[in-house]
Amino acid sequence: MDSFVPKYAIITEYIKNKIKEGALKDGSKAPSENALTKKFGVSRDTVRRAFKNLEEEGILTSIRGSGTYVHVKKSSASKRVAVITTYVENYIFPRIIMGIESALADKGYSMQLSFTNNKFDKEREVLSDLIEKEDVAGIIMEPVKSALPNPNLDCYEMLKEKGIPVIFINTYYKGIDIPHVSLDDSRMGYMATRYLLAKGHKKIGAILKMDDGQGHLRFSGYSKALLDAGIKNTSDNIVWYDTKDENDISVLSEHLINRLKGCSAVFCYNDRVALEYISFLSKQGIKVPDDISIISMDNSDLAEYGDVKITSLRHPMESLGKKAANSLFKLMEDPKKDVSEELITTVVERDSVKALKE
């Protein structure tokens, strides 16, 4: 005589087999109660019992008002989050990483730290290793040269298929649906330029990073502020640079002299560039802020490093790191949740901007 198999157990096994076959992927919606009651000729209570068992096993998760999803919980060995940034020595990253680590520790997670050196091949190497091992609960990632077409988007698609949640920090890639936590760079560029306009400056230049999406967004805010003020030809006074030039912008000396000639103020991409530019100007016998005003972004220690203290927009480094980690936790619970957040901060006034007389 055949042993009796409860119908809820049959449904449980059916769902597990569909997951093994790949017909149901991690993050996909489970079959509805209606569909399963019709398929197996059972009551809703039977289906609900099967779902409850699968939830207890960590195979399904129920989201109120949305439905039931496949969401295989990681093993306890995966209480680790991969944090991948472009550089370790960049002045804002230590504070961001501190914020991430603090939020992870609060939830009992550890951190696995890697760096890409802002290179696509290194990004692919790091991501491929994570895909192969599948031993992290999630990834917090700073994109590489986010203004350029990325050859590694297939890696991010594979991570999504494997149910490993990813969140971008500082910037993001266009063309892939992955949430991000960053500054509202367009708005920040607008605020910096409006600050200079309010101080009486009308011919305002900018030094911006061309291989990073943040540079493009800051340019859009800069341009909008000037256009709103009735100032045209906003692209004539721009110096674009790429990552390799950031530590020595004097290689752009011809552009720095010709394109910013006649500007009474310049908006710099970040404090490092502002510091380099002030040094370059000093060698030309040009004084800040007497001859030209400077505003930058990040409000890092570098803003107070030189003889001229730089007016700069604050970067919420540690807070941004904590927000990114907490957004990742939300993504672990609900893979379809929109957890993107763009932050706005304030101008920290110092000595590098001179108010012009009307």
Protein backbone atom coordinates (compact mmCIF):
# COMPACT_ATOMS: atom_id res chain seq x y z
CA MET A 1 0.00 0.00 0.00
CA ASP A 2 1.35 3.40 -1.11
CA SER A 3 2.14 5.86 1.62
CA PHE A 4 -0.09 8.93 1.72
CA VAL A 5 1.53 12.18 0.54
CA PRO A 6 -0.27 15.34 1.69
CA LYS A 7 -1.30 17.66 -1.15
CA TYR A 8 0.49 20.64 0.40
CA ALA A 9 3.72 18.60 0.27
CA ILE A 10 3.14 17.91 -3.44
CA ILE A 11 2.81 21.65 -4.07
CA THR A 12 5.93 22.31 -1.99
CA GLU A 13 7.93 19.84 -4.08
CA TYR A 14 6.47 21.28 -7.30
CA ILE A 15 7.74 24.78 -6.42
CA LYS A 16 11.18 23.46 -5.43
CA ASN A 17 11.51 21.57 -8.72
CA LYS A 18 10.54 24.65 -10.73
CA ILE A 19 13.30 26.58 -8.94
CA LYS A 20 15.86 23.80 -9.61
CA GLU A 21 14.87 23.70 -13.30
CA GLY A 22 15.30 27.47 -13.56
CA ALA A 23 11.66 28.06 -14.48
CA LEU A 24 11.36 30.12 -11.27
CA LYS A 25 14.35 32.37 -10.64
CA ASP A 26 15.34 34.10 -7.43
CA GLY A 27 13.35 37.34 -7.29
CA SER A 28 10.59 36.12 -9.64
CA LYS A 29 6.96 35.96 -8.57
CA ALA A 30 5.67 32.58 -7.40
CA PRO A 31 2.53 31.09 -9.02
CA SER A 32 -0.64 32.62 -7.59
CA GLU A 33 -2.89 30.85 -5.11
CA ASN A 34 -5.63 30.76 -7.75
CA ALA A 35 -3.36 29.10 -10.31
CA LEU A 36 -2.20 26.45 -7.85
CA THR A 37 -5.70 25.66 -6.52
CA LYS A 38 -6.87 25.01 -10.10
CA LYS A 39 -3.76 23.04 -11.11
CA PHE A 40 -3.85 20.69 -8.11
CA GLY A 41 -7.57 20.77 -7.32
CA VAL A 42 -7.00 21.86 -3.74
CA SER A 43 -8.28 24.55 -1.40
CA ARG A 44 -6.56 27.92 -0.78
CA ASP A 45 -5.71 26.75 2.74
CA THR A 46 -3.68 23.87 1.27
CA VAL A 47 -1.76 26.24 -1.00
CA ARG A 48 -1.17 28.63 1.89
CA ARG A 49 0.21 25.79 4.01
CA ALA A 50 2.64 24.92 1.21
CA PHE A 51 3.69 28.59 0.95
CA LYS A 52 4.17 28.80 4.71
CA ASN A 53 6.45 25.75 4.65
CA LEU A 54 8.49 27.25 1.80
CA GLU A 55 8.78 30.56 3.63
CA GLU A 56 10.01 28.77 6.75
CA GLU A 57 12.63 27.03 4.60
CA GLY A 58 13.72 30.41 3.26
CA ILE A 59 12.63 29.67 -0.32
CA LEU A 60 9.67 32.05 -0.67
CA THR A 61 8.97 35.45 0.83
CA SER A 62 5.60 37.12 1.04
CA ILE A 63 5.33 40.89 0.51
CA ARG A 64 2.08 42.46 1.67
CA GLY A 65 0.16 44.08 -1.18
CA SER A 66 2.53 42.67 -3.80
CA GLY A 67 2.56 38.90 -3.71
CA THR A 68 4.83 35.95 -2.99
CA TYR A 69 8.32 35.82 -4.48
CA VAL A 70 11.13 33.33 -4.83
CA HIS A 71 13.80 34.60 -2.47
CA VAL A 72 16.25 31.96 -1.41
CA LYS A 73 17.89 33.17 1.77
CA LYS A 74 21.65 32.97 1.89
CA SER A 75 23.26 30.61 4.34
CA SER A 76 24.79 31.91 7.53
CA ALA A 77 28.18 31.67 5.76
CA SER A 78 26.99 34.53 3.56
CA LYS A 79 26.65 37.09 6.34
CA ARG A 80 29.17 39.07 4.36
CA VAL A 81 28.77 42.02 1.99
CA ALA A 82 31.24 42.84 -0.78
CA VAL A 83 32.15 46.54 -0.87
CA ILE A 84 33.93 47.57 -4.07
CA THR A 85 35.25 51.10 -4.64
CA THR A 86 37.48 52.59 -7.31
CA TYR A 87 40.32 53.63 -5.00
CA VAL A 88 41.35 53.18 -1.39
CA GLU A 89 43.46 56.33 -1.10
CA ASN A 90 40.84 58.75 -2.45
CA TYR A 91 40.07 61.17 0.37
CA ILE A 92 36.30 60.56 0.58
CA PHE A 93 36.32 56.74 0.57
CA PRO A 94 37.67 55.99 4.06
CA ARG A 95 34.73 57.87 5.60
CA ILE A 96 32.21 56.24 3.26
CA ILE A 97 33.61 52.81 4.10
CA MET A 98 33.42 53.62 7.83
CA GLY A 99 29.71 54.38 7.40
CA ILE A 100 29.10 51.15 5.48
CA GLU A 101 31.00 49.04 8.01
CA SER A 102 29.11 50.58 10.93
CA ALA A 103 25.70 49.83 9.38
CA LEU A 104 26.75 46.28 8.42
CA ALA A 105 28.02 45.55 11.93
CA ASP A 106 24.71 46.68 13.41
CA LYS A 107 23.01 43.89 11.44
CA GLY A 108 25.66 41.27 12.15
CA TYR A 109 27.30 41.41 8.70
CA SER A 110 30.98 41.59 7.88
CA MET A 111 32.61 43.43 4.98
CA GLN A 112 34.74 42.12 2.13
CA LEU A 113 36.61 45.08 0.63
CA SER A 114 37.97 45.28 -2.94
CA PHE A 115 39.20 48.01 -5.30
CA THR A 116 39.02 48.37 -9.08
CA ASN A 117 41.53 51.21 -9.50
CA ASN A 118 38.85 52.67 -11.79
CA LYS A 119 39.62 50.11 -14.50
CA PHE A 120 37.08 48.03 -16.41
CA ASP A 121 39.25 44.90 -16.52
CA LYS A 122 39.71 44.95 -12.74
CA GLU A 123 35.96 45.48 -12.26
CA ARG A 124 35.28 42.41 -14.38
CA GLU A 125 37.83 40.36 -12.44
CA VAL A 126 36.26 41.26 -9.07
CA LEU A 127 32.68 40.68 -10.25
CA SER A 128 33.52 37.39 -11.99
CA ASP A 129 35.02 36.09 -8.75
CA LEU A 130 31.87 37.02 -6.82
CA ILE A 131 29.67 35.36 -9.46
CA GLU A 132 31.69 32.15 -9.35
CA LYS A 133 31.85 31.85 -5.57
CA GLU A 134 28.32 33.10 -4.71
CA ASP A 135 29.48 33.61 -1.14
CA VAL A 136 28.26 37.14 -0.40
CA ALA A 137 24.81 38.30 0.65
CA GLY A 138 25.02 41.49 -1.40
CA ILE A 139 27.28 44.01 -3.11
CA ILE A 140 27.85 47.74 -2.61
CA MET A 141 29.63 48.95 -5.73
CA GLU A 142 31.14 52.20 -6.94
CA PRO A 143 30.97 52.13 -10.76
CA VAL A 144 34.06 52.48 -12.94
CA LYS A 145 34.14 55.51 -15.28
CA SER A 146 30.38 55.72 -15.22
CA ALA A 147 30.10 58.21 -18.11
CA LEU A 148 31.57 55.67 -20.56
CA PRO A 149 29.90 52.61 -22.13
CA ASN A 150 30.55 49.74 -19.74
CA PRO A 151 31.70 46.37 -21.13
CA ASN A 152 30.80 44.57 -17.90
CA LEU A 153 27.04 45.04 -17.76
CA ASP A 154 26.64 41.31 -18.46
CA CYS A 155 28.27 40.63 -15.07
CA TYR A 156 25.62 42.72 -13.34
CA GLU A 157 22.88 40.85 -15.20
CA MET A 158 24.37 37.54 -14.02
CA LEU A 159 24.40 38.80 -10.43
CA LYS A 160 20.70 39.69 -10.76
CA GLU A 161 19.94 36.22 -12.14
CA LYS A 162 21.72 34.63 -9.18
CA GLY A 163 19.69 36.75 -6.76
CA ILE A 164 22.69 38.67 -5.39
CA PRO A 165 21.46 42.23 -4.72
CA VAL A 166 23.65 45.12 -5.87
CA ILE A 167 23.51 48.81 -5.01
CA PHE A 168 25.68 51.52 -6.56
CA ILE A 169 27.24 54.35 -4.56
CA ASN A 170 28.30 57.86 -5.65
CA THR A 171 27.19 57.30 -9.24
CA TYR A 172 25.52 54.69 -11.46
CA TYR A 173 25.49 53.14 -14.92
CA LYS A 174 22.82 54.03 -17.42
CA GLY A 175 21.26 51.12 -19.23
CA ILE A 176 20.91 48.78 -16.25
CA ASP A 177 18.21 48.76 -13.60
CA ILE A 178 20.25 48.79 -10.39
CA PRO A 179 19.47 51.26 -7.56
CA HIS A 180 21.99 53.81 -6.33
CA VAL A 181 22.71 56.05 -3.35
CA SER A 182 24.54 59.21 -4.37
CA LEU A 183 24.55 62.96 -4.25
CA ASP A 184 22.01 64.73 -6.43
CA ASP A 185 24.93 65.89 -8.57
CA SER A 186 22.87 67.98 -10.96
CA ARG A 187 21.27 69.85 -8.09
CA MET A 188 24.64 70.27 -6.37
CA GLY A 189 26.18 71.74 -9.53
CA TYR A 190 23.24 74.12 -9.72
CA MET A 191 23.68 75.16 -6.07
CA ALA A 192 27.42 75.81 -6.48
CA THR A 193 26.85 78.00 -9.53
CA ARG A 194 23.94 79.85 -7.95
CA TYR A 195 26.17 80.61 -4.97
CA LEU A 196 28.71 82.29 -7.28
CA LEU A 197 25.97 84.17 -9.12
CA ALA A 198 24.63 85.46 -5.79
CA LYS A 199 28.12 86.81 -5.04
CA GLY A 200 27.96 88.91 -8.21
CA HIS A 201 29.89 86.66 -10.59
CA LYS A 202 28.62 86.41 -14.15
CA LYS A 203 31.42 84.87 -16.19
CA ILE A 204 31.79 81.53 -14.41
CA GLY A 205 33.96 78.68 -15.69
CA ALA A 206 34.11 75.04 -14.64
CA ILE A 207 36.67 72.23 -14.42
CA LEU A 208 34.82 68.91 -14.65
CA LYS A 209 35.56 65.20 -15.01
CA MET A 210 34.50 63.80 -18.37
CA ASP A 211 34.75 60.02 -17.80
CA ASP A 212 32.54 60.06 -14.70
CA GLY A 213 28.76 60.44 -14.76
CA GLN A 214 28.99 62.82 -11.80
CA GLY A 215 30.91 65.29 -13.95
CA HIS A 216 28.19 65.28 -16.59
CA LEU A 217 25.44 65.76 -14.02
CA ARG A 218 27.32 68.61 -12.34
CA PHE A 219 27.74 70.21 -15.76
CA SER A 220 23.98 70.02 -16.34
CA GLY A 221 23.34 71.78 -13.02
CA TYR A 222 26.01 74.40 -13.76
CA SER A 223 24.53 75.05 -17.21
CA LYS A 224 20.97 75.31 -15.92
CA ALA A 225 21.97 77.84 -13.24
CA LEU A 226 23.65 80.06 -15.83
CA LEU A 227 20.76 79.76 -18.28
CA ASP A 228 18.26 80.56 -15.52
CA ALA A 229 20.31 83.70 -14.86
CA GLY A 230 20.13 84.67 -18.55
CA ILE A 231 23.78 83.80 -19.27
CA LYS A 232 24.40 82.00 -22.58
CA ASN A 233 27.34 80.15 -24.19
CA THR A 234 27.84 78.07 -21.06
CA SER A 235 30.08 75.53 -22.82
CA ASP A 236 32.78 78.05 -23.80
CA ASN A 237 34.39 78.18 -20.37
CA ILE A 238 34.63 74.47 -19.52
CA VAL A 239 37.80 72.44 -19.01
CA TRP A 240 37.13 68.69 -19.17
CA TYR A 241 39.66 66.23 -17.76
CA ASP A 242 39.74 62.48 -17.18
CA THR A 243 40.74 60.33 -14.22
CA LYS A 244 44.45 60.13 -15.02
CA ASP A 245 44.76 63.95 -15.01
CA GLU A 246 43.19 64.53 -11.59
CA ASN A 247 46.41 64.56 -9.57
CA ASP A 248 48.19 66.95 -11.93
CA ILE A 249 45.87 69.20 -13.90
CA SER A 250 48.84 71.29 -15.03
CA VAL A 251 48.96 68.95 -18.06
CA LEU A 252 45.86 70.89 -19.13
CA SER A 253 47.63 74.24 -18.76
CA GLU A 254 46.72 75.49 -22.23
CA HIS A 255 43.02 74.83 -21.63
CA LEU A 256 43.17 76.19 -18.08
CA ILE A 257 44.59 79.46 -19.40
CA ASN A 258 42.59 79.88 -22.61
CA ARG A 259 39.17 78.49 -21.72
CA LEU A 260 38.97 80.11 -18.28
CA LYS A 261 40.42 83.44 -19.40
CA GLY A 262 38.32 86.34 -18.17
CA CYS A 263 36.32 84.23 -15.72
CA SER A 264 35.85 85.85 -12.32
CA ALA A 265 34.97 82.49 -10.74
CA VAL A 266 35.42 78.76 -11.41
CA PHE A 267 33.40 75.77 -10.21
CA CYS A 268 35.73 72.78 -9.62
CA TYR A 269 34.66 69.13 -9.74
CA ASN A 270 36.07 68.40 -6.27
CA ASP A 271 38.44 69.68 -3.59
CA ARG A 272 41.47 67.89 -5.05
CA VAL A 273 41.01 69.61 -8.41
CA ALA A 274 40.38 72.95 -6.68
CA LEU A 275 43.62 72.60 -4.70
CA GLU A 276 45.55 71.71 -7.86
CA TYR A 277 44.03 74.64 -9.73
CA ILE A 278 44.84 77.12 -6.95
CA SER A 279 48.46 75.90 -7.05
CA PHE A 280 48.50 76.30 -10.83
CA LEU A 281 47.12 79.85 -10.55
CA SER A 282 49.69 80.76 -7.91
CA LYS A 283 52.48 79.84 -10.33
CA GLN A 284 50.90 82.23 -12.84
CA GLY A 285 50.86 85.00 -10.24
CA ILE A 286 47.06 84.86 -9.96
CA LYS A 287 45.63 85.11 -6.45
CA VAL A 288 42.54 83.45 -5.00
CA PRO A 289 40.12 85.06 -4.21
CA ASP A 290 41.50 88.52 -5.12
CA ASP A 291 41.81 87.79 -8.85
CA ILE A 292 39.52 84.77 -9.22
CA SER A 293 37.06 82.93 -6.95
CA ILE A 294 36.89 79.15 -6.52
CA ILE A 295 34.11 76.85 -5.31
CA SER A 296 34.35 73.05 -5.20
CA MET A 297 32.63 69.94 -3.87
CA ASP A 298 33.15 67.40 -1.06
CA ASN A 299 34.15 69.67 1.87
CA SER A 300 37.00 67.30 2.62
CA ASP A 301 40.11 67.95 4.71
CA LEU A 302 41.73 69.20 1.49
CA ALA A 303 39.41 72.21 1.54
CA GLU A 304 41.32 73.45 4.59
CA TYR A 305 44.71 72.15 3.53
CA GLY A 306 46.28 75.07 1.63
CA ASP A 307 46.91 78.75 2.32
CA VAL A 308 43.48 79.54 0.85
CA LYS A 309 40.62 77.71 2.57
CA ILE A 310 38.19 76.53 -0.10
CA THR A 311 34.45 77.16 -0.11
CA SER A 312 32.99 73.72 -0.82
CA LEU A 313 29.70 71.80 -0.89
CA ARG A 314 29.54 69.18 1.84
CA HIS A 315 29.71 65.48 0.93
CA PRO A 316 27.84 63.36 3.55
CA MET A 317 30.51 60.65 3.37
CA GLU A 318 29.77 58.52 6.42
CA SER A 319 26.02 59.11 6.19
CA LEU A 320 26.01 58.10 2.52
CA GLY A 321 27.82 54.87 3.42
CA LYS A 322 25.25 54.04 6.11
CA LYS A 323 22.36 54.81 3.74
CA ALA A 324 23.85 52.55 1.08
CA ALA A 325 24.18 49.62 3.50
CA ASN A 326 20.67 50.09 4.86
CA SER A 327 19.29 50.32 1.32
CA LEU A 328 21.02 47.03 0.52
CA PHE A 329 19.29 45.39 3.48
CA LYS A 330 15.92 46.58 2.12
CA LEU A 331 16.86 45.12 -1.26
CA MET A 332 17.65 41.78 0.38
CA GLU A 333 14.13 41.70 1.82
CA ASP A 334 12.41 42.89 -1.36
CA PRO A 335 14.46 42.62 -4.60
CA LYS A 336 11.93 44.76 -6.47
CA LYS A 337 11.91 47.65 -4.01
CA ASP A 338 13.10 51.02 -5.31
CA VAL A 339 15.77 52.03 -2.81
CA SER A 340 17.57 54.70 -4.86
CA GLU A 341 18.29 57.92 -3.01
CA GLU A 342 19.98 61.15 -4.09
CA LEU A 343 21.19 63.48 -1.34
CA ILE A 344 21.40 67.27 -1.23
CA THR A 345 23.70 69.07 1.18
CA THR A 346 24.88 72.64 1.85
CA VAL A 347 27.65 75.08 1.00
CA VAL A 348 30.42 75.46 3.59
CA GLU A 349 31.75 79.01 3.22
CA ARG A 350 35.46 79.72 3.57
CA ASP A 351 37.90 82.16 1.93
CA SER A 352 38.04 81.22 -1.75
CA VAL A 353 35.04 83.22 -3.01
CA LYS A 354 35.06 86.99 -3.24
CA ALA A 355 31.82 88.98 -3.43
CA LEU A 356 31.92 91.38 -6.39
CA LYS A 357 30.52 94.87 -6.17
CA GLU A 358 27.58 95.63 -8.40
